Amino acid sequence: YAGKMTYYTPGMGACGVTNSESDWIVAISHEMFDTKAQGANPNANGFCKQPITIYYDGKSYKAQITDRCEGCAYNDIDMPKSMFSTISNGNVDAGRLPVTWS
């Protein structure tokens, strides 16, 4: 997927996992997340706890899907600020950067 990466303050995610700023986790767009809904329980979503690989600036990073992002476009991912800082080489002021992931 090719989209944008942004950052947020993690907490209790849509998958029922409480995340912290130091976790390597992502929230994917609500539109994508909801395609694998398993009834009314978001914790049972098919995307929950799935690994992803993020590609940025010639490097790759591993993370896990644990949340859904209401403000994200379909291919976007949202992550903790510390993770965004590591991936973007400290460029947190950008706030939103192009990224690919699978």
PDB file of N, CA and C in Angstrom:
ATOM      1  N   TYR A   1       0.840  -1.181   0.000  1.00  0.00           N
ATOM      2  CA  TYR A   1       0.000   0.000   0.000  1.00  0.00           C
ATOM      3  C   TYR A   1       0.881   1.239   0.000  1.00  0.00           C
ATOM      4  N   ALA A   2       0.438   2.289  -0.623  1.00  0.00           N
ATOM      5  CA  ALA A   2       1.147   3.568  -0.625  1.00  0.00           C
ATOM      6  C   ALA A   2       0.215   4.624  -0.062  1.00  0.00           C
ATOM      7  N   GLY A   3       0.624   5.242   1.034  1.00  0.00           N
ATOM      8  CA  GLY A   3      -0.211   6.247   1.679  1.00  0.00           C
ATOM      9  C   GLY A   3       0.641   7.227   2.455  1.00  0.00           C
ATOM     10  N   LYS A   4       0.087   7.742   3.525  1.00  0.00           N
ATOM     11  CA  LYS A   4       0.786   8.682   4.403  1.00  0.00           C
ATOM     12  C   LYS A   4       0.907   8.066   5.790  1.00  0.00           C
ATOM     13  N   MET A   5       1.972   8.437   6.490  1.00  0.00           N
ATOM     14  CA  MET A   5       2.085   8.049   7.891  1.00  0.00           C
ATOM     15  C   MET A   5       1.954   9.303   8.743  1.00  0.00           C
ATOM     16  N   THR A   6       1.249   9.151   9.849  1.00  0.00           N
ATOM     17  CA  THR A   6       1.035  10.219  10.815  1.00  0.00           C
ATOM     18  C   THR A   6       1.271   9.629  12.202  1.00  0.00           C
ATOM     19  N   TYR A   7       1.184  10.469  13.230  1.00  0.00           N
ATOM     20  CA  TYR A   7       1.345   9.930  14.580  1.00  0.00           C
ATOM     21  C   TYR A   7       0.211  10.383  15.491  1.00  0.00           C
ATOM     22  N   TYR A   8       0.008   9.603  16.543  1.00  0.00           N
ATOM     23  CA  TYR A   8      -1.030   9.884  17.529  1.00  0.00           C
ATOM     24  C   TYR A   8      -0.570   9.388  18.895  1.00  0.00           C
ATOM     25  N   THR A   9      -1.346   9.687  19.915  1.00  0.00           N
ATOM     26  CA  THR A   9      -1.064   9.192  21.258  1.00  0.00           C
ATOM     27  C   THR A   9      -1.831   7.891  21.450  1.00  0.00           C
ATOM     28  N   PRO A  10      -1.128   6.770  21.552  1.00  0.00           N
ATOM     29  CA  PRO A  10      -1.818   5.486  21.676  1.00  0.00           C
ATOM     30  C   PRO A  10      -2.425   5.287  23.063  1.00  0.00           C
ATOM     31  N   GLY A  11      -3.348   4.365  23.131  1.00  0.00           N
ATOM     32  CA  GLY A  11      -4.015   3.985  24.374  1.00  0.00           C
ATOM     33  C   GLY A  11      -4.709   2.666  24.114  1.00  0.00           C
ATOM     34  N   MET A  12      -5.955   2.538  24.563  1.00  0.00           N
ATOM     35  CA  MET A  12      -6.728   1.340  24.271  1.00  0.00           C
ATOM     36  C   MET A  12      -7.103   1.365  22.793  1.00  0.00           C
ATOM     37  N   GLY A  13      -6.623   0.392  22.046  1.00  0.00           N
ATOM     38  CA  GLY A  13      -6.883   0.336  20.615  1.00  0.00           C
ATOM     39  C   GLY A  13      -8.144  -0.439  20.283  1.00  0.00           C
ATOM     40  N   ALA A  14      -8.544  -0.382  19.042  1.00  0.00           N
ATOM     41  CA  ALA A  14      -9.759  -1.057  18.574  1.00  0.00           C
ATOM     42  C   ALA A  14      -9.674  -2.573  18.703  1.00  0.00           C
ATOM     43  N   CYS A  15      -8.469  -3.105  18.844  1.00  0.00           N
ATOM     44  CA  CYS A  15      -8.296  -4.554  18.981  1.00  0.00           C
ATOM     45  C   CYS A  15      -8.307  -5.004  20.442  1.00  0.00           C
ATOM     46  N   GLY A  16      -8.590  -4.083  21.360  1.00  0.00           N
ATOM     47  CA  GLY A  16      -8.655  -4.440  22.768  1.00  0.00           C
ATOM     48  C   GLY A  16      -7.309  -4.496  23.449  1.00  0.00           C
ATOM     49  N   VAL A  17      -6.282  -3.952  22.805  1.00  0.00           N
ATOM     50  CA  VAL A  17      -4.925  -3.947  23.348  1.00  0.00           C
ATOM     51  C   VAL A  17      -4.592  -2.526  23.805  1.00  0.00           C
ATOM     52  N   THR A  18      -4.084  -2.394  25.026  1.00  0.00           N
ATOM     53  CA  THR A  18      -3.630  -1.089  25.501  1.00  0.00           C
ATOM     54  C   THR A  18      -2.189  -0.890  25.054  1.00  0.00           C
ATOM     55  N   ASN A  19      -1.979   0.141  24.259  1.00  0.00           N
ATOM     56  CA  ASN A  19      -0.658   0.424  23.693  1.00  0.00           C
ATOM     57  C   ASN A  19      -0.027   1.627  24.370  1.00  0.00           C
ATOM     58  N   SER A  20       1.305   1.664  24.339  1.00  0.00           N
ATOM     59  CA  SER A  20       2.038   2.793  24.911  1.00  0.00           C
ATOM     60  C   SER A  20       2.860   3.471  23.816  1.00  0.00           C
ATOM     61  N   GLU A  21       3.433   4.587  24.160  1.00  0.00           N
ATOM     62  CA  GLU A  21       4.241   5.371  23.223  1.00  0.00           C
ATOM     63  C   GLU A  21       5.442   4.585  22.705  1.00  0.00           C
ATOM     64  N   SER A  22       5.915   3.613  23.468  1.00  0.00           N
ATOM     65  CA  SER A  22       7.107   2.856  23.059  1.00  0.00           C
ATOM     66  C   SER A  22       6.789   1.630  22.200  1.00  0.00           C
ATOM     67  N   ASP A  23       5.506   1.319  22.005  1.00  0.00           N
ATOM     68  CA  ASP A  23       5.127   0.140  21.214  1.00  0.00           C
ATOM     69  C   ASP A  23       5.245   0.409  19.715  1.00  0.00           C
ATOM     70  N   TRP A  24       5.656  -0.608  18.984  1.00  0.00           N
ATOM     71  CA  TRP A  24       5.728  -0.518  17.524  1.00  0.00           C
ATOM     72  C   TRP A  24       4.431  -1.079  16.957  1.00  0.00           C
ATOM     73  N   ILE A  25       3.418  -0.217  16.976  1.00  0.00           N
ATOM     74  CA  ILE A  25       2.069  -0.591  16.539  1.00  0.00           C
ATOM     75  C   ILE A  25       1.564   0.461  15.561  1.00  0.00           C
ATOM     76  N   VAL A  26       0.536   0.097  14.806  1.00  0.00           N
ATOM     77  CA  VAL A  26      -0.092   1.061  13.911  1.00  0.00           C
ATOM     78  C   VAL A  26      -1.604   0.943  13.983  1.00  0.00           C
ATOM     79  N   ALA A  27      -2.237   2.041  13.630  1.00  0.00           N
ATOM     80  CA  ALA A  27      -3.671   2.066  13.372  1.00  0.00           C
ATOM     81  C   ALA A  27      -3.815   2.199  11.859  1.00  0.00           C
ATOM     82  N   ILE A  28      -4.678   1.380  11.279  1.00  0.00           N
ATOM     83  CA  ILE A  28      -4.957   1.505   9.846  1.00  0.00           C
ATOM     84  C   ILE A  28      -6.289   2.227   9.679  1.00  0.00           C
ATOM     85  N   SER A  29      -6.577   2.677   8.477  1.00  0.00           N
ATOM     86  CA  SER A  29      -7.805   3.434   8.243  1.00  0.00           C
ATOM     87  C   SER A  29      -9.032   2.629   8.655  1.00  0.00           C
ATOM     88  N   HIS A  30     -10.032   3.336   9.159  1.00  0.00           N
ATOM     89  CA  HIS A  30     -11.267   2.661   9.568  1.00  0.00           C
ATOM     90  C   HIS A  30     -11.919   1.953   8.386  1.00  0.00           C
ATOM     91  N   GLU A  31     -11.787   2.529   7.198  1.00  0.00           N
ATOM     92  CA  GLU A  31     -12.384   1.893   6.019  1.00  0.00           C
ATOM     93  C   GLU A  31     -11.740   0.543   5.732  1.00  0.00           C
ATOM     94  N   MET A  32     -10.410   0.468   5.798  1.00  0.00           N
ATOM     95  CA  MET A  32      -9.725  -0.800   5.573  1.00  0.00           C
ATOM     96  C   MET A  32      -9.987  -1.760   6.735  1.00  0.00           C
ATOM     97  N   PHE A  33      -9.858  -1.266   7.959  1.00  0.00           N
ATOM     98  CA  PHE A  33     -10.052  -2.091   9.155  1.00  0.00           C
ATOM     99  C   PHE A  33     -11.426  -2.766   9.131  1.00  0.00           C
ATOM    100  N   ASP A  34     -12.444  -2.003   8.784  1.00  0.00           N
ATOM    101  CA  ASP A  34     -13.815  -2.519   8.828  1.00  0.00           C
ATOM    102  C   ASP A  34     -14.117  -3.572   7.767  1.00  0.00           C
ATOM    103  N   THR A  35     -13.245  -3.735   6.772  1.00  0.00           N
ATOM    104  CA  THR A  35     -13.480  -4.774   5.757  1.00  0.00           C
ATOM    105  C   THR A  35     -13.305  -6.172   6.327  1.00  0.00           C
ATOM    106  N   LYS A  36     -12.639  -6.290   7.480  1.00  0.00           N
ATOM    107  CA  LYS A  36     -12.438  -7.607   8.095  1.00  0.00           C
ATOM    108  C   LYS A  36     -13.164  -7.725   9.434  1.00  0.00           C
ATOM    109  N   ALA A  37     -14.258  -6.979   9.567  1.00  0.00           N
ATOM    110  CA  ALA A  37     -15.047  -7.040  10.802  1.00  0.00           C
ATOM    111  C   ALA A  37     -15.623  -8.437  10.979  1.00  0.00           C
ATOM    112  N   GLN A  38     -15.634  -8.895  12.224  1.00  0.00           N
ATOM    113  CA  GLN A  38     -16.200 -10.198  12.580  1.00  0.00           C
ATOM    114  C   GLN A  38     -17.361  -9.958  13.537  1.00  0.00           C
ATOM    115  N   GLY A  39     -18.484  -9.510  13.016  1.00  0.00           N
ATOM    116  CA  GLY A  39     -19.615  -9.180  13.870  1.00  0.00           C
ATOM    117  C   GLY A  39     -19.399  -7.841  14.554  1.00  0.00           C
ATOM    118  N   ALA A  40     -20.003  -7.686  15.733  1.00  0.00           N
ATOM    119  CA  ALA A  40     -19.964  -6.404  16.441  1.00  0.00           C
ATOM    120  C   ALA A  40     -18.718  -6.222  17.300  1.00  0.00           C
ATOM    121  N   ASN A  41     -17.919  -7.262  17.497  1.00  0.00           N
ATOM    122  CA  ASN A  41     -16.752  -7.182  18.370  1.00  0.00           C
ATOM    123  C   ASN A  41     -15.509  -6.789  17.573  1.00  0.00           C
ATOM    124  N   PRO A  42     -15.032  -5.534  17.712  1.00  0.00           N
ATOM    125  CA  PRO A  42     -13.851  -5.120  16.949  1.00  0.00           C
ATOM    126  C   PRO A  42     -12.590  -5.884  17.343  1.00  0.00           C
ATOM    127  N   ASN A  43     -12.557  -6.453  18.554  1.00  0.00           N
ATOM    128  CA  ASN A  43     -11.382  -7.211  18.995  1.00  0.00           C
ATOM    129  C   ASN A  43     -11.161  -8.460  18.150  1.00  0.00           C
ATOM    130  N   ALA A  44     -12.212  -8.934  17.485  1.00  0.00           N
ATOM    131  CA  ALA A  44     -12.119 -10.138  16.660  1.00  0.00           C
ATOM    132  C   ALA A  44     -11.799  -9.817  15.200  1.00  0.00           C
ATOM    133  N   ASN A  45     -11.522  -8.563  14.894  1.00  0.00           N
ATOM    134  CA  ASN A  45     -11.243  -8.145  13.522  1.00  0.00           C
ATOM    135  C   ASN A  45     -10.048  -8.906  12.954  1.00  0.00           C
ATOM    136  N   GLY A  46     -10.143  -9.279  11.684  1.00  0.00           N
ATOM    137  CA  GLY A  46      -9.087 -10.039  11.026  1.00  0.00           C
ATOM    138  C   GLY A  46      -7.755  -9.317  10.905  1.00  0.00           C
ATOM    139  N   PHE A  47      -7.758  -7.985  11.016  1.00  0.00           N
ATOM    140  CA  PHE A  47      -6.500  -7.229  10.973  1.00  0.00           C
ATOM    141  C   PHE A  47      -5.795  -7.183  12.329  1.00  0.00           C
ATOM    142  N   CYS A  48      -6.513  -7.437  13.414  1.00  0.00           N
ATOM    143  CA  CYS A  48      -5.938  -7.316  14.755  1.00  0.00           C
ATOM    144  C   CYS A  48      -4.717  -8.205  14.941  1.00  0.00           C
ATOM    145  N   LYS A  49      -3.657  -7.576  15.433  1.00  0.00           N
ATOM    146  CA  LYS A  49      -2.379  -8.221  15.754  1.00  0.00           C
ATOM    147  C   LYS A  49      -1.632  -8.760  14.537  1.00  0.00           C
ATOM    148  N   GLN A  50      -2.050  -8.353  13.338  1.00  0.00           N
ATOM    149  CA  GLN A  50      -1.338  -8.771  12.127  1.00  0.00           C
ATOM    150  C   GLN A  50      -0.054  -7.955  11.977  1.00  0.00           C
ATOM    151  N   PRO A  51       1.033  -8.610  11.580  1.00  0.00           N
ATOM    152  CA  PRO A  51       2.288  -7.878  11.374  1.00  0.00           C
ATOM    153  C   PRO A  51       2.261  -7.116  10.051  1.00  0.00           C
ATOM    154  N   ILE A  52       2.934  -5.989  10.022  1.00  0.00           N
ATOM    155  CA  ILE A  52       3.118  -5.257   8.770  1.00  0.00           C
ATOM    156  C   ILE A  52       4.589  -4.857   8.667  1.00  0.00           C
ATOM    157  N   THR A  53       5.003  -4.560   7.453  1.00  0.00           N
ATOM    158  CA  THR A  53       6.333  -4.011   7.214  1.00  0.00           C
ATOM    159  C   THR A  53       6.145  -2.627   6.613  1.00  0.00           C
ATOM    160  N   ILE A  54       6.811  -1.656   7.205  1.00  0.00           N
ATOM    161  CA  ILE A  54       6.741  -0.265   6.768  1.00  0.00           C
ATOM    162  C   ILE A  54       8.043   0.064   6.037  1.00  0.00           C
ATOM    163  N   TYR A  55       7.922   0.678   4.862  1.00  0.00           N
ATOM    164  CA  TYR A  55       9.092   1.045   4.057  1.00  0.00           C
ATOM    165  C   TYR A  55       9.171   2.566   3.956  1.00  0.00           C
ATOM    166  N   TYR A  56      10.314   3.108   4.370  1.00  0.00           N
ATOM    167  CA  TYR A  56      10.505   4.551   4.296  1.00  0.00           C
ATOM    168  C   TYR A  56      11.990   4.852   4.132  1.00  0.00           C
ATOM    169  N   ASP A  57      12.310   5.693   3.193  1.00  0.00           N
ATOM    170  CA  ASP A  57      13.674   6.185   2.982  1.00  0.00           C
ATOM    171  C   ASP A  57      14.691   5.046   2.849  1.00  0.00           C
ATOM    172  N   GLY A  58      14.307   3.994   2.116  1.00  0.00           N
ATOM    173  CA  GLY A  58      15.213   2.887   1.848  1.00  0.00           C
ATOM    174  C   GLY A  58      15.372   1.881   2.973  1.00  0.00           C
ATOM    175  N   LYS A  59      14.603   2.026   4.041  1.00  0.00           N
ATOM    176  CA  LYS A  59      14.681   1.102   5.174  1.00  0.00           C
ATOM    177  C   LYS A  59      13.319   0.453   5.406  1.00  0.00           C
ATOM    178  N   SER A  60      13.327  -0.676   6.131  1.00  0.00           N
ATOM    179  CA  SER A  60      12.068  -1.340   6.471  1.00  0.00           C
ATOM    180  C   SER A  60      11.969  -1.517   7.982  1.00  0.00           C
ATOM    181  N   TYR A  61      10.743  -1.481   8.473  1.00  0.00           N
ATOM    182  CA  TYR A  61      10.462  -1.554   9.906  1.00  0.00           C
ATOM    183  C   TYR A  61       9.259  -2.465  10.124  1.00  0.00           C
ATOM    184  N   LYS A  62       9.294  -3.252  11.187  1.00  0.00           N
ATOM    185  CA  LYS A  62       8.196  -4.163  11.513  1.00  0.00           C
ATOM    186  C   LYS A  62       7.302  -3.532  12.578  1.00  0.00           C
ATOM    187  N   ALA A  63       6.002  -3.748  12.437  1.00  0.00           N
ATOM    188  CA  ALA A  63       5.031  -3.262  13.420  1.00  0.00           C
ATOM    189  C   ALA A  63       3.838  -4.215  13.432  1.00  0.00           C
ATOM    190  N   GLN A  64       2.880  -3.921  14.296  1.00  0.00           N
ATOM    191  CA  GLN A  64       1.692  -4.758  14.430  1.00  0.00           C
ATOM    192  C   GLN A  64       0.451  -3.866  14.399  1.00  0.00           C
ATOM    193  N   ILE A  65      -0.591  -4.314  13.729  1.00  0.00           N
ATOM    194  CA  ILE A  65      -1.858  -3.581  13.674  1.00  0.00           C
ATOM    195  C   ILE A  65      -2.632  -3.840  14.966  1.00  0.00           C
ATOM    196  N   THR A  66      -2.962  -2.759  15.691  1.00  0.00           N
ATOM    197  CA  THR A  66      -3.742  -2.909  16.921  1.00  0.00           C
ATOM    198  C   THR A  66      -4.861  -1.881  17.048  1.00  0.00           C
ATOM    199  N   ASP A  67      -5.052  -1.050  16.012  1.00  0.00           N
ATOM    200  CA  ASP A  67      -6.039   0.021  16.145  1.00  0.00           C
ATOM    201  C   ASP A  67      -6.573   0.429  14.776  1.00  0.00           C
ATOM    202  N   ARG A  68      -7.643   1.212  14.799  1.00  0.00           N
ATOM    203  CA  ARG A  68      -8.223   1.775  13.574  1.00  0.00           C
ATOM    204  C   ARG A  68      -8.162   3.290  13.672  1.00  0.00           C
ATOM    205  N   CYS A  69      -8.007   3.929  12.539  1.00  0.00           N
ATOM    206  CA  CYS A  69      -7.835   5.380  12.474  1.00  0.00           C
ATOM    207  C   CYS A  69      -9.009   6.005  11.732  1.00  0.00           C
ATOM    208  N   GLU A  70      -9.801   6.800  12.441  1.00  0.00           N
ATOM    209  CA  GLU A  70     -10.964   7.461  11.832  1.00  0.00           C
ATOM    210  C   GLU A  70     -10.562   8.526  10.816  1.00  0.00           C
ATOM    211  N   GLY A  71      -9.455   9.225  11.060  1.00  0.00           N
ATOM    212  CA  GLY A  71      -9.062  10.336  10.197  1.00  0.00           C
ATOM    213  C   GLY A  71      -8.114   9.970   9.071  1.00  0.00           C
ATOM    214  N   CYS A  72      -7.822   8.684   8.925  1.00  0.00           N
ATOM    215  CA  CYS A  72      -6.870   8.246   7.901  1.00  0.00           C
ATOM    216  C   CYS A  72      -7.558   7.929   6.579  1.00  0.00           C
ATOM    217  N   ALA A  73      -6.890   8.262   5.479  1.00  0.00           N
ATOM    218  CA  ALA A  73      -7.344   7.810   4.165  1.00  0.00           C
ATOM    219  C   ALA A  73      -7.082   6.304   4.072  1.00  0.00           C
ATOM    220  N   TYR A  74      -7.635   5.651   3.070  1.00  0.00           N
ATOM    221  CA  TYR A  74      -7.641   4.186   2.991  1.00  0.00           C
ATOM    222  C   TYR A  74      -6.266   3.541   3.184  1.00  0.00           C
ATOM    223  N   ASN A  75      -5.215   4.043   2.575  1.00  0.00           N
ATOM    224  CA  ASN A  75      -3.883   3.422   2.652  1.00  0.00           C
ATOM    225  C   ASN A  75      -2.959   4.035   3.704  1.00  0.00           C
ATOM    226  N   ASP A  76      -3.484   4.940   4.536  1.00  0.00           N
ATOM    227  CA  ASP A  76      -2.663   5.615   5.540  1.00  0.00           C
ATOM    228  C   ASP A  76      -2.485   4.762   6.793  1.00  0.00           C
ATOM    229  N   ILE A  77      -1.424   5.055   7.540  1.00  0.00           N
ATOM    230  CA  ILE A  77      -1.202   4.428   8.843  1.00  0.00           C
ATOM    231  C   ILE A  77      -0.864   5.505   9.867  1.00  0.00           C
ATOM    232  N   ASP A  78      -1.282   5.265  11.097  1.00  0.00           N
ATOM    233  CA  ASP A  78      -1.050   6.164  12.213  1.00  0.00           C
ATOM    234  C   ASP A  78      -0.233   5.398  13.247  1.00  0.00           C
ATOM    235  N   MET A  79       0.709   6.033  13.887  1.00  0.00           N
ATOM    236  CA  MET A  79       1.627   5.330  14.794  1.00  0.00           C
ATOM    237  C   MET A  79       2.003   6.233  15.961  1.00  0.00           C
ATOM    238  N   PRO A  80       2.586   5.664  17.030  1.00  0.00           N
ATOM    239  CA  PRO A  80       3.065   6.504  18.127  1.00  0.00           C
ATOM    240  C   PRO A  80       4.137   7.486  17.644  1.00  0.00           C
ATOM    241  N   LYS A  81       4.193   8.642  18.288  1.00  0.00           N
ATOM    242  CA  LYS A  81       5.133   9.692  17.887  1.00  0.00           C
ATOM    243  C   LYS A  81       6.582   9.214  17.928  1.00  0.00           C
ATOM    244  N   SER A  82       6.953   8.410  18.928  1.00  0.00           N
ATOM    245  CA  SER A  82       8.339   7.937  19.020  1.00  0.00           C
ATOM    246  C   SER A  82       8.699   7.043  17.839  1.00  0.00           C
ATOM    247  N   MET A  83       7.758   6.240  17.402  1.00  0.00           N
ATOM    248  CA  MET A  83       7.972   5.373  16.236  1.00  0.00           C
ATOM    249  C   MET A  83       8.092   6.223  14.966  1.00  0.00           C
ATOM    250  N   PHE A  84       7.197   7.207  14.824  1.00  0.00           N
ATOM    251  CA  PHE A  84       7.243   8.137  13.692  1.00  0.00           C
ATOM    252  C   PHE A  84       8.601   8.835  13.650  1.00  0.00           C
ATOM    253  N   SER A  85       9.090   9.259  14.813  1.00  0.00           N
ATOM    254  CA  SER A  85      10.379   9.940  14.891  1.00  0.00           C
ATOM    255  C   SER A  85      11.519   9.033  14.429  1.00  0.00           C
ATOM    256  N   THR A  86      11.501   7.781  14.864  1.00  0.00           N
ATOM    257  CA  THR A  86      12.547   6.837  14.455  1.00  0.00           C
ATOM    258  C   THR A  86      12.518   6.607  12.951  1.00  0.00           C
ATOM    259  N   ILE A  87      11.335   6.339  12.418  1.00  0.00           N
ATOM    260  CA  ILE A  87      11.204   6.045  10.987  1.00  0.00           C
ATOM    261  C   ILE A  87      11.558   7.261  10.131  1.00  0.00           C
ATOM    262  N   SER A  88      11.136   8.446  10.573  1.00  0.00           N
ATOM    263  CA  SER A  88      11.356   9.669   9.779  1.00  0.00           C
ATOM    264  C   SER A  88      12.691  10.345  10.076  1.00  0.00           C
ATOM    265  N   ASN A  89      13.569   9.679  10.800  1.00  0.00           N
ATOM    266  CA  ASN A  89      14.869  10.254  11.165  1.00  0.00           C
ATOM    267  C   ASN A  89      14.720  11.562  11.937  1.00  0.00           C
ATOM    268  N   GLY A  90      13.759  11.597  12.863  1.00  0.00           N
ATOM    269  CA  GLY A  90      13.556  12.760  13.716  1.00  0.00           C
ATOM    270  C   GLY A  90      12.724  13.868  13.122  1.00  0.00           C
ATOM    271  N   ASN A  91      12.122  13.644  11.973  1.00  0.00           N
ATOM    272  CA  ASN A  91      11.357  14.680  11.282  1.00  0.00           C
ATOM    273  C   ASN A  91       9.896  14.715  11.753  1.00  0.00           C
ATOM    274  N   VAL A  92       9.669  14.811  13.066  1.00  0.00           N
ATOM    275  CA  VAL A  92       8.296  14.806  13.582  1.00  0.00           C
ATOM    276  C   VAL A  92       7.532  16.076  13.217  1.00  0.00           C
ATOM    277  N   ASP A  93       8.235  17.161  12.965  1.00  0.00           N
ATOM    278  CA  ASP A  93       7.560  18.401  12.593  1.00  0.00           C
ATOM    279  C   ASP A  93       6.800  18.269  11.278  1.00  0.00           C
ATOM    280  N   ALA A  94       7.206  17.326  10.439  1.00  0.00           N
ATOM    281  CA  ALA A  94       6.499  17.105   9.174  1.00  0.00           C
ATOM    282  C   ALA A  94       5.063  16.669   9.453  1.00  0.00           C
ATOM    283  N   GLY A  95       4.875  15.854  10.480  1.00  0.00           N
ATOM    284  CA  GLY A  95       3.536  15.423  10.872  1.00  0.00           C
ATOM    285  C   GLY A  95       2.893  14.390   9.979  1.00  0.00           C
ATOM    286  N   ARG A  96       3.178  14.461   8.685  1.00  0.00           N
ATOM    287  CA  ARG A  96       2.551  13.576   7.697  1.00  0.00           C
ATOM    288  C   ARG A  96       3.551  13.357   6.569  1.00  0.00           C
ATOM    289  N   LEU A  97       3.925  12.100   6.357  1.00  0.00           N
ATOM    290  CA  LEU A  97       4.928  11.794   5.336  1.00  0.00           C
ATOM    291  C   LEU A  97       4.481  10.628   4.463  1.00  0.00           C
ATOM    292  N   PRO A  98       4.917  10.601   3.193  1.00  0.00           N
ATOM    293  CA  PRO A  98       4.569   9.476   2.318  1.00  0.00           C
ATOM    294  C   PRO A  98       5.269   8.203   2.782  1.00  0.00           C
ATOM    295  N   VAL A  99       4.567   7.082   2.674  1.00  0.00           N
ATOM    296  CA  VAL A  99       5.104   5.807   3.142  1.00  0.00           C
ATOM    297  C   VAL A  99       4.482   4.676   2.328  1.00  0.00           C
ATOM    298  N   THR A 100       5.188   3.569   2.242  1.00  0.00           N
ATOM    299  CA  THR A 100       4.585   2.353   1.693  1.00  0.00           C
ATOM    300  C   THR A 100       4.652   1.286   2.774  1.00  0.00           C
ATOM    301  N   TRP A 101       3.727   0.345   2.706  1.00  0.00           N
ATOM    302  CA  TRP A 101       3.691  -0.725   3.701  1.00  0.00           C
ATOM    303  C   TRP A 101       2.987  -1.948   3.133  1.00  0.00           C
ATOM    304  N   SER A 102       3.278  -3.071   3.725  1.00  0.00           N
ATOM    305  CA  SER A 102       2.629  -4.318   3.301  1.00  0.00           C
ATOM    306  C   SER A 102       2.401  -5.204   4.516  1.00  0.00           C
TER     307      SER A 102
END
